[in-house]
N, C-alpha and C. Protein backbone atom coordinates (compact mmCIF):
# COMPACT_ATOMS: atom_id res chain seq x y z
N MET A 1 -4.20 67.66 258.93
CA MET A 1 -4.64 67.57 257.55
C MET A 1 -3.91 68.63 256.73
N PRO A 2 -3.66 68.39 255.43
CA PRO A 2 -2.91 69.35 254.63
C PRO A 2 -3.65 70.67 254.50
N VAL A 3 -2.87 71.72 254.50
CA VAL A 3 -3.43 73.07 254.37
C VAL A 3 -3.16 73.59 252.98
N SER A 4 -4.18 74.07 252.32
CA SER A 4 -4.04 74.65 250.99
C SER A 4 -3.78 76.14 251.13
N LEU A 5 -2.65 76.58 250.58
CA LEU A 5 -2.29 77.99 250.67
C LEU A 5 -2.81 78.73 249.45
N VAL A 6 -3.52 79.79 249.68
CA VAL A 6 -4.08 80.60 248.59
C VAL A 6 -3.58 82.02 248.77
N SER A 7 -2.96 82.55 247.74
CA SER A 7 -2.45 83.92 247.82
C SER A 7 -3.55 84.88 247.40
N ALA A 8 -3.37 86.14 247.79
CA ALA A 8 -4.35 87.18 247.43
C ALA A 8 -4.46 87.35 245.93
N SER A 9 -3.35 87.09 245.22
CA SER A 9 -3.36 87.30 243.77
C SER A 9 -4.27 86.32 243.05
N ASP A 10 -4.60 85.17 243.71
CA ASP A 10 -5.48 84.20 243.09
C ASP A 10 -6.90 84.74 242.92
N PHE A 11 -7.24 85.79 243.66
CA PHE A 11 -8.58 86.35 243.59
C PHE A 11 -8.65 87.57 242.67
N LEU A 12 -7.50 88.00 242.14
CA LEU A 12 -7.49 89.16 241.26
C LEU A 12 -7.98 88.76 239.87
N PRO A 13 -8.75 89.62 239.21
CA PRO A 13 -9.21 89.29 237.85
C PRO A 13 -8.04 89.23 236.89
N HIS A 14 -8.21 88.41 235.85
CA HIS A 14 -7.19 88.37 234.82
C HIS A 14 -7.12 89.73 234.12
N PRO A 15 -5.92 90.15 233.71
CA PRO A 15 -5.82 91.45 233.05
C PRO A 15 -6.63 91.48 231.76
N ILE A 16 -7.30 92.60 231.52
CA ILE A 16 -8.08 92.77 230.31
C ILE A 16 -7.15 93.17 229.17
N LEU A 17 -7.18 92.40 228.09
CA LEU A 17 -6.32 92.68 226.97
C LEU A 17 -6.86 93.87 226.18
N SER A 18 -5.96 94.70 225.74
CA SER A 18 -6.31 95.80 224.84
C SER A 18 -6.37 95.25 223.42
N GLN A 19 -7.47 95.44 222.74
CA GLN A 19 -7.64 94.89 221.41
C GLN A 19 -7.25 95.92 220.36
N VAL A 20 -6.48 95.47 219.38
CA VAL A 20 -6.03 96.35 218.31
C VAL A 20 -6.67 95.92 216.99
N THR A 21 -6.81 96.89 216.10
CA THR A 21 -7.31 96.62 214.75
C THR A 21 -6.16 96.75 213.78
N ILE A 22 -6.04 95.78 212.90
CA ILE A 22 -4.98 95.75 211.91
C ILE A 22 -5.59 95.93 210.52
N GLY A 23 -5.02 96.83 209.73
CA GLY A 23 -5.42 96.99 208.34
C GLY A 23 -4.43 96.27 207.43
N VAL A 24 -4.95 95.63 206.39
CA VAL A 24 -4.10 94.84 205.48
C VAL A 24 -4.47 95.16 204.03
N ASP A 25 -3.46 95.33 203.21
CA ASP A 25 -3.66 95.48 201.77
C ASP A 25 -2.43 94.96 201.06
N GLU A 26 -2.58 94.75 199.75
CA GLU A 26 -1.47 94.21 198.96
C GLU A 26 -1.17 95.10 197.77
N ALA A 27 -0.01 94.88 197.19
CA ALA A 27 0.38 95.54 195.95
C ALA A 27 1.08 94.52 195.08
N GLY A 28 0.74 94.52 193.79
CA GLY A 28 1.47 93.67 192.86
C GLY A 28 0.79 92.40 192.44
N ARG A 29 -0.54 92.36 192.43
CA ARG A 29 -1.21 91.15 191.95
C ARG A 29 -1.15 91.05 190.43
N GLY A 30 -1.19 92.18 189.73
CA GLY A 30 -1.32 92.16 188.29
C GLY A 30 -0.06 92.18 187.45
N PRO A 31 1.08 92.62 187.96
CA PRO A 31 2.28 92.73 187.13
C PRO A 31 2.77 91.40 186.59
N LEU A 32 3.56 91.48 185.53
CA LEU A 32 4.18 90.30 184.94
C LEU A 32 5.47 89.91 185.66
N ALA A 33 6.02 90.82 186.43
CA ALA A 33 7.31 90.58 187.07
C ALA A 33 7.30 91.14 188.49
N GLY A 34 8.15 90.57 189.32
CA GLY A 34 8.32 91.05 190.68
C GLY A 34 7.44 90.34 191.67
N PRO A 35 7.66 90.58 192.95
CA PRO A 35 6.91 89.91 194.01
C PRO A 35 5.54 90.52 194.21
N VAL A 36 4.71 89.82 194.96
CA VAL A 36 3.50 90.43 195.51
C VAL A 36 3.82 90.78 196.95
N VAL A 37 3.42 91.98 197.36
CA VAL A 37 3.76 92.52 198.68
C VAL A 37 2.48 92.85 199.43
N ALA A 38 2.38 92.43 200.67
CA ALA A 38 1.27 92.82 201.53
C ALA A 38 1.82 93.59 202.72
N ALA A 39 1.03 94.53 203.20
CA ALA A 39 1.41 95.29 204.39
C ALA A 39 0.31 95.19 205.42
N ALA A 40 0.71 95.21 206.69
CA ALA A 40 -0.22 95.22 207.81
C ALA A 40 0.15 96.41 208.70
N VAL A 41 -0.86 97.17 209.12
CA VAL A 41 -0.61 98.40 209.87
C VAL A 41 -1.57 98.50 211.05
N ILE A 42 -1.03 98.87 212.20
CA ILE A 42 -1.82 99.32 213.35
C ILE A 42 -1.62 100.82 213.45
N LEU A 43 -2.68 101.57 213.26
CA LEU A 43 -2.54 103.02 213.24
C LEU A 43 -2.24 103.59 214.61
N CYS A 44 -1.47 104.66 214.61
CA CYS A 44 -1.16 105.40 215.82
C CYS A 44 -2.29 106.39 216.10
N LYS A 45 -2.25 107.01 217.27
CA LYS A 45 -3.19 108.07 217.61
C LYS A 45 -2.40 109.32 218.00
N PRO A 46 -2.69 110.46 217.39
CA PRO A 46 -3.62 110.63 216.27
C PRO A 46 -3.02 110.05 215.00
N ARG A 47 -3.88 109.56 214.12
CA ARG A 47 -3.40 108.95 212.89
C ARG A 47 -2.95 110.03 211.92
N PRO A 48 -2.05 109.68 211.00
CA PRO A 48 -1.61 110.66 209.99
C PRO A 48 -2.79 111.14 209.16
N SER A 49 -2.83 112.42 208.86
CA SER A 49 -3.92 112.97 208.07
C SER A 49 -3.66 112.74 206.59
N GLY A 50 -4.74 112.68 205.81
CA GLY A 50 -4.60 112.54 204.36
C GLY A 50 -4.51 111.13 203.86
N LEU A 51 -4.79 110.13 204.72
CA LEU A 51 -4.72 108.74 204.27
C LEU A 51 -5.80 108.46 203.23
N ASP A 52 -5.43 107.69 202.21
CA ASP A 52 -6.36 107.35 201.14
C ASP A 52 -5.80 106.14 200.39
N ASP A 53 -6.60 105.63 199.49
CA ASP A 53 -6.14 104.58 198.58
C ASP A 53 -4.85 105.05 197.92
N SER A 54 -3.81 104.23 198.00
CA SER A 54 -2.50 104.64 197.48
C SER A 54 -2.54 105.00 196.01
N LYS A 55 -3.46 104.37 195.25
CA LYS A 55 -3.54 104.65 193.82
C LYS A 55 -4.08 106.04 193.53
N LYS A 56 -4.73 106.64 194.51
CA LYS A 56 -5.29 107.98 194.32
C LYS A 56 -4.31 109.09 194.72
N LEU A 57 -3.20 108.70 195.31
CA LEU A 57 -2.24 109.67 195.81
C LEU A 57 -1.08 109.84 194.83
N SER A 58 -0.53 111.03 194.80
CA SER A 58 0.67 111.26 193.99
C SER A 58 1.84 110.54 194.63
N ALA A 59 2.88 110.30 193.84
CA ALA A 59 4.07 109.63 194.38
C ALA A 59 4.68 110.44 195.52
N ALA A 60 4.67 111.77 195.37
CA ALA A 60 5.26 112.62 196.42
C ALA A 60 4.45 112.51 197.71
N ARG A 61 3.13 112.51 197.59
CA ARG A 61 2.28 112.42 198.77
C ARG A 61 2.41 111.05 199.43
N ARG A 62 2.48 110.00 198.63
CA ARG A 62 2.67 108.66 199.19
C ARG A 62 3.96 108.56 199.98
N ALA A 63 5.01 109.16 199.44
CA ALA A 63 6.31 109.09 200.12
C ALA A 63 6.26 109.78 201.48
N VAL A 64 5.57 110.92 201.54
CA VAL A 64 5.44 111.65 202.81
C VAL A 64 4.65 110.82 203.81
N LEU A 65 3.54 110.26 203.35
CA LEU A 65 2.70 109.46 204.25
C LEU A 65 3.40 108.18 204.69
N GLU A 66 4.14 107.56 203.78
CA GLU A 66 4.88 106.37 204.17
C GLU A 66 5.83 106.68 205.32
N GLU A 67 6.54 107.77 205.22
CA GLU A 67 7.50 108.14 206.26
C GLU A 67 6.78 108.37 207.59
N LYS A 68 5.61 109.03 207.55
CA LYS A 68 4.87 109.29 208.78
C LYS A 68 4.34 108.00 209.39
N ILE A 69 3.81 107.12 208.55
CA ILE A 69 3.28 105.85 209.06
C ILE A 69 4.40 105.02 209.69
N LYS A 70 5.52 104.92 209.00
CA LYS A 70 6.62 104.11 209.51
C LYS A 70 7.21 104.69 210.79
N ARG A 71 7.20 106.01 210.90
CA ARG A 71 7.80 106.65 212.07
C ARG A 71 6.89 106.56 213.29
N ARG A 72 5.59 106.63 213.08
CA ARG A 72 4.68 106.78 214.22
C ARG A 72 3.82 105.55 214.49
N CYS A 73 3.60 104.71 213.52
CA CYS A 73 2.69 103.57 213.67
C CYS A 73 3.47 102.25 213.65
N ARG A 74 2.77 101.17 213.93
CA ARG A 74 3.38 99.85 213.84
C ARG A 74 2.97 99.21 212.51
N TRP A 75 3.94 98.60 211.87
CA TRP A 75 3.69 98.06 210.53
C TRP A 75 4.61 96.89 210.25
N ALA A 76 4.25 96.11 209.25
CA ALA A 76 5.09 95.00 208.79
C ALA A 76 4.68 94.67 207.36
N VAL A 77 5.59 94.04 206.63
CA VAL A 77 5.28 93.62 205.26
C VAL A 77 5.55 92.13 205.10
N GLY A 78 4.84 91.55 204.15
CA GLY A 78 5.09 90.18 203.73
C GLY A 78 5.35 90.17 202.24
N VAL A 79 6.41 89.51 201.81
CA VAL A 79 6.82 89.50 200.41
C VAL A 79 6.86 88.06 199.91
N VAL A 80 6.19 87.81 198.78
CA VAL A 80 6.21 86.49 198.16
C VAL A 80 6.79 86.64 196.76
N GLU A 81 7.86 85.90 196.49
CA GLU A 81 8.62 86.07 195.26
C GLU A 81 7.96 85.35 194.07
N PRO A 82 8.38 85.71 192.84
CA PRO A 82 7.75 85.14 191.64
C PRO A 82 7.73 83.62 191.59
N GLU A 83 8.78 82.96 192.02
CA GLU A 83 8.81 81.49 191.99
C GLU A 83 7.67 80.91 192.81
N GLU A 84 7.41 81.52 193.97
CA GLU A 84 6.32 81.05 194.82
C GLU A 84 4.97 81.43 194.22
N ILE A 85 4.89 82.58 193.56
CA ILE A 85 3.66 82.97 192.88
C ILE A 85 3.30 81.92 191.83
N ASP A 86 4.30 81.50 191.06
CA ASP A 86 4.06 80.48 190.03
C ASP A 86 3.63 79.15 190.64
N ARG A 87 4.15 78.83 191.80
CA ARG A 87 3.81 77.55 192.44
C ARG A 87 2.41 77.58 193.03
N LEU A 88 2.05 78.70 193.65
CA LEU A 88 0.77 78.76 194.37
C LEU A 88 -0.36 79.30 193.52
N ASN A 89 -0.08 80.11 192.55
CA ASN A 89 -0.94 81.01 191.77
C ASN A 89 -1.02 82.34 192.52
N ILE A 90 -1.42 83.40 191.82
CA ILE A 90 -1.31 84.74 192.40
C ILE A 90 -2.27 84.92 193.58
N PHE A 91 -3.44 84.30 193.53
CA PHE A 91 -4.35 84.42 194.66
C PHE A 91 -3.75 83.79 195.91
N GLY A 92 -3.25 82.56 195.77
CA GLY A 92 -2.65 81.89 196.91
C GLY A 92 -1.45 82.64 197.44
N ALA A 93 -0.65 83.21 196.54
CA ALA A 93 0.52 83.98 196.95
C ALA A 93 0.12 85.24 197.71
N THR A 94 -0.98 85.87 197.27
CA THR A 94 -1.47 87.06 197.97
C THR A 94 -1.94 86.72 199.37
N MET A 95 -2.66 85.61 199.50
CA MET A 95 -3.10 85.18 200.83
C MET A 95 -1.90 84.89 201.74
N LEU A 96 -0.85 84.30 201.18
CA LEU A 96 0.36 84.04 201.95
C LEU A 96 1.04 85.33 202.36
N ALA A 97 1.16 86.28 201.44
CA ALA A 97 1.81 87.56 201.76
C ALA A 97 1.07 88.27 202.89
N MET A 98 -0.25 88.26 202.84
CA MET A 98 -1.03 88.89 203.92
C MET A 98 -0.79 88.19 205.25
N THR A 99 -0.74 86.88 205.22
CA THR A 99 -0.52 86.11 206.44
C THR A 99 0.86 86.42 207.03
N LEU A 100 1.87 86.49 206.17
CA LEU A 100 3.22 86.80 206.64
C LEU A 100 3.28 88.20 207.25
N ALA A 101 2.58 89.16 206.63
CA ALA A 101 2.60 90.53 207.13
C ALA A 101 1.95 90.62 208.51
N VAL A 102 0.78 90.00 208.67
CA VAL A 102 0.09 90.07 209.96
C VAL A 102 0.88 89.33 211.04
N ALA A 103 1.44 88.18 210.69
CA ALA A 103 2.23 87.43 211.67
C ALA A 103 3.43 88.26 212.14
N ALA A 104 4.09 88.93 211.21
CA ALA A 104 5.24 89.76 211.58
C ALA A 104 4.82 90.93 212.46
N LEU A 105 3.66 91.52 212.17
CA LEU A 105 3.18 92.64 212.98
C LEU A 105 2.78 92.17 214.37
N CYS A 106 2.18 91.00 214.47
CA CYS A 106 1.76 90.49 215.77
C CYS A 106 2.94 90.24 216.71
N GLU A 107 4.12 90.02 216.13
CA GLU A 107 5.31 89.86 216.96
C GLU A 107 5.67 91.15 217.68
N LYS A 108 5.12 92.28 217.22
CA LYS A 108 5.41 93.58 217.83
C LYS A 108 4.37 93.97 218.87
N LEU A 109 3.35 93.14 219.09
CA LEU A 109 2.32 93.46 220.07
C LEU A 109 2.87 93.37 221.49
N ALA A 110 2.34 94.22 222.34
CA ALA A 110 2.70 94.15 223.76
C ALA A 110 1.99 92.96 224.40
N GLN A 111 2.44 92.59 225.60
CA GLN A 111 1.87 91.42 226.27
C GLN A 111 0.40 91.59 226.59
N ASP A 112 -0.04 92.83 226.80
CA ASP A 112 -1.43 93.07 227.16
C ASP A 112 -2.28 93.44 225.94
N GLU A 113 -1.79 93.14 224.73
CA GLU A 113 -2.53 93.44 223.52
C GLU A 113 -2.93 92.15 222.80
N ALA A 114 -4.08 92.22 222.15
CA ALA A 114 -4.57 91.11 221.33
C ALA A 114 -5.21 91.68 220.08
N VAL A 115 -5.25 90.88 219.03
CA VAL A 115 -5.86 91.33 217.78
C VAL A 115 -7.37 91.23 217.91
N GLY A 116 -8.04 92.37 217.81
CA GLY A 116 -9.49 92.37 217.84
C GLY A 116 -10.07 92.00 216.49
N GLU A 117 -9.49 92.58 215.43
CA GLU A 117 -9.98 92.31 214.08
C GLU A 117 -8.92 92.72 213.08
N VAL A 118 -8.85 91.97 211.99
CA VAL A 118 -8.00 92.33 210.85
C VAL A 118 -8.93 92.71 209.71
N LEU A 119 -8.77 93.94 209.23
CA LEU A 119 -9.58 94.45 208.12
C LEU A 119 -8.77 94.31 206.84
N VAL A 120 -9.31 93.57 205.88
CA VAL A 120 -8.58 93.25 204.66
C VAL A 120 -9.27 93.89 203.47
N ASP A 121 -8.50 94.58 202.65
CA ASP A 121 -9.07 95.15 201.44
C ASP A 121 -9.47 94.04 200.46
N GLY A 122 -10.66 94.16 199.88
CA GLY A 122 -11.10 93.17 198.90
C GLY A 122 -12.32 92.41 199.37
N ASN A 123 -12.59 91.29 198.72
CA ASN A 123 -13.78 90.50 199.07
C ASN A 123 -13.46 89.15 199.69
N MET A 124 -12.18 88.89 199.96
CA MET A 124 -11.79 87.64 200.61
C MET A 124 -10.64 87.89 201.57
N THR A 125 -10.55 87.06 202.59
CA THR A 125 -9.45 87.13 203.55
C THR A 125 -8.73 85.77 203.55
N PRO A 126 -7.55 85.71 204.16
CA PRO A 126 -6.85 84.42 204.25
C PRO A 126 -7.50 83.43 205.21
N HIS A 127 -8.52 83.84 205.95
CA HIS A 127 -9.18 82.93 206.89
C HIS A 127 -9.75 81.73 206.14
N GLY A 128 -9.35 80.53 206.57
CA GLY A 128 -9.79 79.31 205.92
C GLY A 128 -9.03 78.99 204.65
N ARG A 129 -8.12 79.86 204.25
CA ARG A 129 -7.34 79.64 203.02
C ARG A 129 -5.85 79.46 203.32
N ARG A 130 -5.42 79.89 204.48
CA ARG A 130 -4.06 79.65 204.96
C ARG A 130 -4.17 79.05 206.36
N THR A 131 -3.57 77.90 206.56
CA THR A 131 -3.70 77.24 207.86
C THR A 131 -3.05 78.06 208.97
N GLU A 132 -2.08 78.92 208.61
CA GLU A 132 -1.40 79.72 209.63
C GLU A 132 -2.24 80.90 210.10
N TRP A 133 -3.28 81.24 209.35
CA TRP A 133 -4.08 82.42 209.70
C TRP A 133 -4.94 82.10 210.93
N CYS A 134 -4.83 82.89 211.99
CA CYS A 134 -5.52 82.58 213.24
C CYS A 134 -6.16 83.81 213.88
N TRP A 135 -6.49 84.82 213.07
CA TRP A 135 -7.03 86.06 213.60
C TRP A 135 -8.42 86.34 213.04
N PRO A 136 -9.30 86.99 213.82
CA PRO A 136 -10.60 87.39 213.29
C PRO A 136 -10.39 88.35 212.12
N ALA A 137 -11.10 88.13 211.02
CA ALA A 137 -10.84 88.93 209.82
C ALA A 137 -12.15 89.31 209.15
N ARG A 138 -12.13 90.47 208.49
CA ARG A 138 -13.28 90.94 207.74
C ARG A 138 -12.80 91.58 206.44
N ALA A 139 -13.35 91.15 205.33
CA ALA A 139 -13.01 91.72 204.03
C ALA A 139 -13.90 92.93 203.76
N ILE A 140 -13.31 93.98 203.20
CA ILE A 140 -14.04 95.20 202.88
C ILE A 140 -13.70 95.60 201.45
N VAL A 141 -14.67 95.51 200.57
CA VAL A 141 -14.46 95.92 199.18
C VAL A 141 -14.26 97.44 199.15
N GLY A 142 -13.18 97.87 198.50
CA GLY A 142 -12.86 99.30 198.48
C GLY A 142 -12.37 99.82 199.82
N GLY A 143 -11.91 98.91 200.68
CA GLY A 143 -11.50 99.31 202.02
C GLY A 143 -10.32 100.26 202.05
N ASP A 144 -9.49 100.21 201.01
CA ASP A 144 -8.32 101.11 201.00
C ASP A 144 -8.72 102.57 200.86
N ALA A 145 -9.97 102.83 200.50
CA ALA A 145 -10.44 104.21 200.38
C ALA A 145 -11.31 104.63 201.56
N ILE A 146 -11.79 103.66 202.36
CA ILE A 146 -12.76 104.02 203.41
C ILE A 146 -12.30 103.66 204.82
N GLU A 147 -11.34 102.77 204.96
CA GLU A 147 -10.82 102.40 206.28
C GLU A 147 -9.39 102.91 206.40
N PRO A 148 -9.14 103.88 207.27
CA PRO A 148 -7.79 104.47 207.34
C PRO A 148 -6.67 103.47 207.56
N CYS A 149 -6.91 102.42 208.37
CA CYS A 149 -5.83 101.47 208.62
C CYS A 149 -5.51 100.67 207.36
N ILE A 150 -6.52 100.42 206.52
CA ILE A 150 -6.26 99.75 205.24
C ILE A 150 -5.58 100.71 204.28
N SER A 151 -5.99 101.98 204.30
CA SER A 151 -5.32 102.99 203.46
C SER A 151 -3.83 103.04 203.78
N ALA A 152 -3.52 103.03 205.07
CA ALA A 152 -2.11 103.06 205.48
C ALA A 152 -1.36 101.83 204.98
N ALA A 153 -2.02 100.66 205.07
CA ALA A 153 -1.39 99.43 204.57
C ALA A 153 -1.19 99.49 203.06
N SER A 154 -2.16 100.09 202.36
CA SER A 154 -2.06 100.25 200.92
C SER A 154 -0.84 101.08 200.55
N ILE A 155 -0.61 102.14 201.29
CA ILE A 155 0.53 103.03 201.03
C ILE A 155 1.85 102.30 201.29
N ILE A 156 1.94 101.63 202.42
CA ILE A 156 3.17 100.91 202.76
C ILE A 156 3.46 99.83 201.74
N ALA A 157 2.44 99.06 201.35
CA ALA A 157 2.66 97.96 200.39
C ALA A 157 3.12 98.49 199.04
N LYS A 158 2.45 99.53 198.54
CA LYS A 158 2.82 100.05 197.21
C LYS A 158 4.21 100.66 197.23
N GLU A 159 4.52 101.46 198.24
CA GLU A 159 5.83 102.09 198.29
C GLU A 159 6.94 101.04 198.43
N HIS A 160 6.69 100.03 199.23
CA HIS A 160 7.69 98.98 199.42
C HIS A 160 7.94 98.24 198.11
N ARG A 161 6.86 97.88 197.42
CA ARG A 161 7.02 97.13 196.17
C ARG A 161 7.64 97.98 195.07
N ASP A 162 7.20 99.23 194.95
CA ASP A 162 7.77 100.11 193.93
C ASP A 162 9.28 100.28 194.14
N ARG A 163 9.68 100.35 195.39
CA ARG A 163 11.11 100.48 195.69
C ARG A 163 11.87 99.23 195.26
N LEU A 164 11.30 98.07 195.52
CA LEU A 164 11.93 96.82 195.08
C LEU A 164 12.09 96.78 193.57
N MET A 165 11.07 97.25 192.84
CA MET A 165 11.12 97.21 191.39
C MET A 165 12.11 98.23 190.83
N ARG A 166 12.24 99.36 191.48
CA ARG A 166 13.26 100.34 191.04
C ARG A 166 14.66 99.76 191.23
N GLU A 167 14.86 99.05 192.33
CA GLU A 167 16.16 98.41 192.56
C GLU A 167 16.41 97.32 191.53
N ALA A 168 15.38 96.55 191.19
CA ALA A 168 15.53 95.49 190.20
C ALA A 168 15.82 96.07 188.82
N ALA A 169 15.29 97.26 188.54
CA ALA A 169 15.52 97.89 187.23
C ALA A 169 16.99 98.23 187.02
N LEU A 170 17.74 98.39 188.10
CA LEU A 170 19.17 98.66 187.97
C LEU A 170 19.91 97.41 187.47
N VAL A 171 19.37 96.26 187.78
CA VAL A 171 19.98 94.99 187.37
C VAL A 171 19.50 94.59 185.97
N TRP A 172 18.21 94.80 185.72
CA TRP A 172 17.61 94.48 184.42
C TRP A 172 16.98 95.75 183.85
N PRO A 173 17.76 96.58 183.17
CA PRO A 173 17.31 97.93 182.81
C PRO A 173 16.39 98.01 181.60
N HIS A 174 16.23 96.93 180.84
CA HIS A 174 15.51 97.03 179.57
C HIS A 174 14.00 97.12 179.71
N TYR A 175 13.46 96.72 180.84
CA TYR A 175 12.02 96.51 180.95
C TYR A 175 11.24 97.71 181.49
N GLY A 176 11.94 98.74 181.93
CA GLY A 176 11.27 99.94 182.41
C GLY A 176 10.56 99.78 183.74
N TRP A 177 11.06 98.88 184.59
CA TRP A 177 10.37 98.62 185.86
C TRP A 177 10.36 99.83 186.78
N GLU A 178 11.32 100.74 186.62
CA GLU A 178 11.32 101.93 187.46
C GLU A 178 10.11 102.81 187.16
N ARG A 179 9.49 102.60 186.00
CA ARG A 179 8.30 103.37 185.61
C ARG A 179 7.03 102.53 185.65
N ASN A 180 7.10 101.27 185.24
CA ASN A 180 5.88 100.47 185.14
C ASN A 180 5.69 99.47 186.27
N ALA A 181 6.67 99.37 187.16
CA ALA A 181 6.59 98.48 188.34
C ALA A 181 6.31 97.02 187.98
N GLY A 182 6.65 96.65 186.73
CA GLY A 182 6.47 95.26 186.32
C GLY A 182 5.19 94.98 185.58
N TYR A 183 4.33 95.99 185.42
CA TYR A 183 3.09 95.79 184.67
C TYR A 183 3.41 95.67 183.17
N GLY A 184 2.45 95.10 182.44
CA GLY A 184 2.67 94.80 181.03
C GLY A 184 2.46 95.97 180.11
N THR A 185 3.26 97.01 180.26
CA THR A 185 3.19 98.16 179.37
C THR A 185 3.78 97.79 178.00
N PRO A 186 3.52 98.60 176.96
CA PRO A 186 4.12 98.31 175.65
C PRO A 186 5.65 98.19 175.71
N GLN A 187 6.32 99.06 176.47
CA GLN A 187 7.77 98.96 176.59
C GLN A 187 8.19 97.65 177.23
N HIS A 188 7.48 97.27 178.28
CA HIS A 188 7.82 96.03 178.98
C HIS A 188 7.62 94.83 178.06
N LEU A 189 6.50 94.79 177.34
CA LEU A 189 6.22 93.67 176.45
C LEU A 189 7.21 93.59 175.30
N ALA A 190 7.59 94.76 174.77
CA ALA A 190 8.57 94.77 173.69
C ALA A 190 9.92 94.25 174.17
N ALA A 191 10.34 94.68 175.37
CA ALA A 191 11.61 94.20 175.92
C ALA A 191 11.54 92.71 176.24
N LEU A 192 10.39 92.26 176.67
CA LEU A 192 10.21 90.84 176.97
C LEU A 192 10.38 90.00 175.71
N ARG A 193 9.85 90.50 174.60
CA ARG A 193 10.00 89.77 173.33
C ARG A 193 11.45 89.79 172.85
N GLU A 194 12.13 90.90 173.08
CA GLU A 194 13.51 91.03 172.59
C GLU A 194 14.52 90.33 173.47
N TYR A 195 14.38 90.47 174.78
CA TYR A 195 15.41 89.97 175.69
C TYR A 195 14.98 88.70 176.45
N GLY A 196 13.69 88.39 176.39
CA GLY A 196 13.21 87.22 177.11
C GLY A 196 12.96 87.51 178.58
N PRO A 197 12.44 86.54 179.32
CA PRO A 197 12.13 86.74 180.73
C PRO A 197 13.36 86.69 181.62
N THR A 198 13.27 87.41 182.73
CA THR A 198 14.31 87.42 183.76
C THR A 198 13.88 86.49 184.90
N PRO A 199 14.73 86.28 185.88
CA PRO A 199 14.30 85.49 187.05
C PRO A 199 13.14 86.12 187.81
N LEU A 200 12.90 87.41 187.62
CA LEU A 200 11.79 88.07 188.31
C LEU A 200 10.47 87.97 187.57
N HIS A 201 10.46 87.44 186.36
CA HIS A 201 9.21 87.30 185.62
C HIS A 201 8.41 86.10 186.13
N ARG A 202 7.09 86.27 186.11
CA ARG A 202 6.18 85.23 186.56
C ARG A 202 5.86 84.31 185.38
N ARG A 203 6.41 83.12 185.40
CA ARG A 203 6.26 82.19 184.28
C ARG A 203 4.83 81.74 184.08
N SER A 204 4.01 81.82 185.10
CA SER A 204 2.63 81.36 184.98
C SER A 204 1.70 82.41 184.38
N PHE A 205 2.19 83.64 184.20
CA PHE A 205 1.37 84.70 183.62
C PHE A 205 1.42 84.62 182.10
N ALA A 206 0.28 84.80 181.47
CA ALA A 206 0.12 84.48 180.04
C ALA A 206 1.19 85.07 179.12
N PRO A 207 1.47 86.37 179.15
CA PRO A 207 2.46 86.91 178.20
C PRO A 207 3.84 86.25 178.32
N VAL A 208 4.23 85.93 179.56
CA VAL A 208 5.53 85.29 179.78
C VAL A 208 5.45 83.82 179.36
N ALA A 209 4.38 83.14 179.73
CA ALA A 209 4.21 81.73 179.39
C ALA A 209 4.17 81.53 177.86
N GLN A 210 3.51 82.44 177.16
CA GLN A 210 3.40 82.32 175.71
C GLN A 210 4.77 82.47 175.04
N LEU A 211 5.60 83.36 175.58
CA LEU A 211 6.95 83.54 175.00
C LEU A 211 7.76 82.27 175.16
N GLN A 212 7.58 81.57 176.25
CA GLN A 212 8.37 80.37 176.50
C GLN A 212 7.96 79.23 175.56
N LEU A 213 6.80 79.36 174.92
CA LEU A 213 6.34 78.32 173.99
C LEU A 213 6.85 78.55 172.57
N LEU A 214 7.39 79.76 172.32
CA LEU A 214 7.86 80.09 170.96
C LEU A 214 9.15 79.35 170.62
């Protein structure tokens, strides 16, 4: 009769996965121009000290923390450009940017790691709003000030987006993006009226849309 061969390894328990927590935040929902950027971060141990909501930190302090986070922790960003923002609307584009950031970060996980939870700043997550989203998620209002991993994501997202806008300001210098990051400041609005929108302007946002009707 046939003999079934069983190796000793068949009786060993499956390896226990190490679960990681990912913090997610975005930058650039409100500006009239430029992309929306989301960052996802898995904090290192020990985590960098002084983490906080990026809006509460000075530019110099953010730059220092960004360098520490990038050097010691695992991180990724997702960028959604203005054309896609106009197609999806800013909420949908933000959900996409977060999904892209987490997906990119998950590619850096070790074989014995799994996502335990994704902590998202705000009151909504991409769960059920993006078909690609497949991770346990929890929204935390004000999370960028109370959850260190979200604070780190807030810093990475803002610094990444501000850098993109400073680079764009070299190409389109009239709008003051190196100072206003694409927000609708008086200088930006005045330049928009004088020079019109650039390819980086969001056509679906009211001030830009209204100019196109003139």
